[in-house]
Amino acid sequence: MRTGERIKNTRKKQGLTQKQLADKVHLTAQVISNIERSYTTASSDDLARIADVLNTTPNYLLGKEENSNNYYELTNKDEKDIAERLQVMIKDLENNAHYSKENGEMDDNTRELLIMSLENSLRIAKQEAKKKFTPKKYRN
């Protein structure tokens, strides 16, 4: 299976559209489409970002590994839990003035960076918990 096919299959398993993937890796949907159809090849940086968003490794996407799943990968339920938890945190952020900058409301860019940071922190915490608390017999 080619790299583009692996990206497409993994993207679809994650329930992402080309546009959503493109937005997350800071590319255009057309570039993602071209990569998936093997019209162009992704740079190593782009491939690393794509793999990161798709919760897999660049080696899997390149066909060097057969198994894309790690026991600590986040499931759809985990993703939903993270999204719900993030919404609660955002609501708390908006309701509590002590989270805002000292001179009033924080700007949109700062707010977006804070939300991304919180989301990444929740993802890492969930993965680390899975690594720590998954019984050895269920690990790869």
Protein backbone atom coordinates (compact mmCIF):
# COMPACT_ATOMS: atom_id res chain seq x y z
CA MET A 1 0.00 0.00 0.00
CA ARG A 2 1.33 3.44 -0.92
CA THR A 3 1.91 6.29 1.49
CA GLY A 4 -1.04 8.25 0.09
CA GLU A 5 -3.37 5.30 0.53
CA ARG A 6 -2.21 4.81 4.11
CA ILE A 7 -2.80 8.49 4.87
CA LYS A 8 -6.26 8.35 3.31
CA ASN A 9 -7.27 5.14 5.13
CA THR A 10 -5.96 6.39 8.47
CA ARG A 11 -7.63 9.79 7.98
CA LYS A 12 -10.96 8.10 7.25
CA LYS A 13 -10.62 5.83 10.30
CA GLN A 14 -10.16 8.97 12.39
CA GLY A 15 -13.32 10.44 10.83
CA LEU A 16 -11.51 13.43 9.34
CA THR A 17 -12.13 15.09 6.00
CA GLN A 18 -9.27 16.24 3.80
CA LYS A 19 -10.10 19.83 4.76
CA GLN A 20 -10.01 19.06 8.49
CA LEU A 21 -6.67 17.27 8.17
CA ALA A 22 -5.30 20.10 6.03
CA ASP A 23 -6.33 22.69 8.62
CA LYS A 24 -4.67 20.75 11.43
CA VAL A 25 -1.36 20.35 9.57
CA HIS A 26 -1.42 23.85 8.04
CA LEU A 27 -1.70 22.70 4.41
CA THR A 28 -4.44 23.10 1.83
CA ALA A 29 -7.05 20.44 1.12
CA GLN A 30 -5.70 20.29 -2.45
CA VAL A 31 -2.21 19.39 -1.17
CA ILE A 32 -3.68 16.64 1.03
CA SER A 33 -5.67 15.36 -1.96
CA ASN A 34 -2.54 15.31 -4.13
CA ILE A 35 -0.58 13.46 -1.45
CA GLU A 36 -3.35 10.88 -0.99
CA ARG A 37 -3.56 10.27 -4.74
CA SER A 38 0.26 10.06 -4.94
CA TYR A 39 0.47 13.02 -7.33
CA THR A 40 2.99 14.60 -4.98
CA THR A 41 5.00 13.34 -2.04
CA ALA A 42 4.85 14.90 1.39
CA SER A 43 7.99 16.49 2.77
CA SER A 44 9.40 14.87 5.88
CA ASP A 45 8.09 17.77 7.99
CA ASP A 46 4.60 17.52 6.46
CA LEU A 47 4.61 13.74 6.88
CA ALA A 48 5.59 14.08 10.54
CA ARG A 49 2.76 16.59 11.15
CA ILE A 50 0.25 14.38 9.31
CA ALA A 51 1.35 11.33 11.31
CA ASP A 52 1.05 13.31 14.55
CA VAL A 53 -2.49 14.45 13.77
CA LEU A 54 -3.48 10.92 12.71
CA ASN A 55 -1.97 9.44 15.91
CA THR A 56 0.43 7.20 14.04
CA THR A 57 4.07 7.22 13.00
CA PRO A 58 5.70 8.45 9.81
CA ASN A 59 7.17 4.95 9.41
CA TYR A 60 3.68 3.44 9.30
CA LEU A 61 2.56 5.96 6.69
CA LEU A 62 5.69 5.18 4.64
CA GLY A 63 4.96 1.44 4.83
CA LYS A 64 7.97 0.61 7.02
CA GLU A 65 5.73 -0.58 9.87
CA GLU A 66 2.64 -2.73 9.55
CA ASN A 67 0.93 -1.87 12.82
CA SER A 68 -0.30 1.70 13.20
CA ASN A 69 -1.92 1.15 16.58
CA ASN A 70 -0.24 1.47 19.92
CA TYR A 71 -2.08 0.26 22.97
CA TYR A 72 -2.04 3.79 24.31
CA GLU A 73 -3.57 5.39 21.22
CA LEU A 74 -6.69 7.39 21.85
CA THR A 75 -9.97 5.82 20.83
CA ASN A 76 -13.01 7.68 19.53
CA LYS A 77 -14.44 7.56 23.07
CA ASP A 78 -11.22 9.10 24.41
CA GLU A 79 -11.43 11.84 21.78
CA LYS A 80 -15.04 12.53 22.77
CA ASP A 81 -14.09 12.66 26.46
CA ILE A 82 -11.26 15.09 25.68
CA ALA A 83 -13.60 17.30 23.63
CA GLU A 84 -16.18 17.36 26.43
CA ARG A 85 -13.54 18.11 29.06
CA LEU A 86 -12.08 20.85 26.85
CA GLN A 87 -15.51 22.47 26.44
CA VAL A 88 -15.91 22.56 30.22
CA MET A 89 -12.46 24.13 30.57
CA ILE A 90 -13.25 26.73 27.90
CA LYS A 91 -16.54 27.60 29.60
CA ASP A 92 -14.69 27.99 32.91
CA LEU A 93 -12.10 30.11 31.14
CA GLU A 94 -14.78 32.45 29.81
CA ASN A 95 -16.60 32.66 33.15
CA ASN A 96 -13.59 33.33 35.35
CA ALA A 97 -11.88 36.67 34.96
CA HIS A 98 -8.70 35.54 36.73
CA TYR A 99 -7.76 33.52 33.61
CA SER A 100 -7.70 36.61 31.41
CA LYS A 101 -4.77 38.93 30.92
CA GLU A 102 -4.21 41.65 33.47
CA ASN A 103 -5.37 44.38 31.07
CA GLY A 104 -8.75 42.81 30.34
CA GLU A 105 -9.86 40.23 27.80
CA MET A 106 -7.25 38.15 26.04
CA ASP A 107 -7.03 38.49 22.27
CA ASP A 108 -8.27 35.75 19.94
CA ASN A 109 -4.78 34.50 19.10
CA THR A 110 -3.81 34.08 22.76
CA ARG A 111 -7.14 32.40 23.50
CA GLU A 112 -6.68 29.98 20.58
CA LEU A 113 -3.13 29.15 21.70
CA LEU A 114 -4.35 28.52 25.23
CA ILE A 115 -7.12 26.22 23.98
CA MET A 116 -4.64 24.28 21.81
CA SER A 117 -2.31 23.96 24.77
CA LEU A 118 -5.11 22.68 26.99
CA GLU A 119 -6.19 20.17 24.34
CA ASN A 120 -2.63 18.88 23.92
CA SER A 121 -2.27 18.60 27.68
CA LEU A 122 -5.48 16.58 27.92
CA ARG A 123 -4.32 14.27 25.11
CA ILE A 124 -0.93 13.70 26.71
CA ALA A 125 -2.48 13.07 30.12
CA LYS A 126 -4.91 10.52 28.64
CA GLN A 127 -2.11 8.72 26.74
CA GLU A 128 0.19 8.67 29.77
CA ALA A 129 -2.62 7.27 31.91
CA LYS A 130 -3.17 4.52 29.32
CA LYS A 131 0.55 3.74 29.27
CA LYS A 132 0.71 3.60 33.04
CA PHE A 133 -2.50 1.72 33.80
CA THR A 134 -2.85 -0.73 30.88
CA PRO A 135 -2.05 -4.24 32.16
CA LYS A 136 1.07 -5.74 30.57
CA LYS A 137 -0.85 -8.60 28.98
CA TYR A 138 -2.81 -6.07 26.88
CA ARG A 139 0.23 -4.12 25.71
CA ASN A 140 1.75 -4.72 22.28
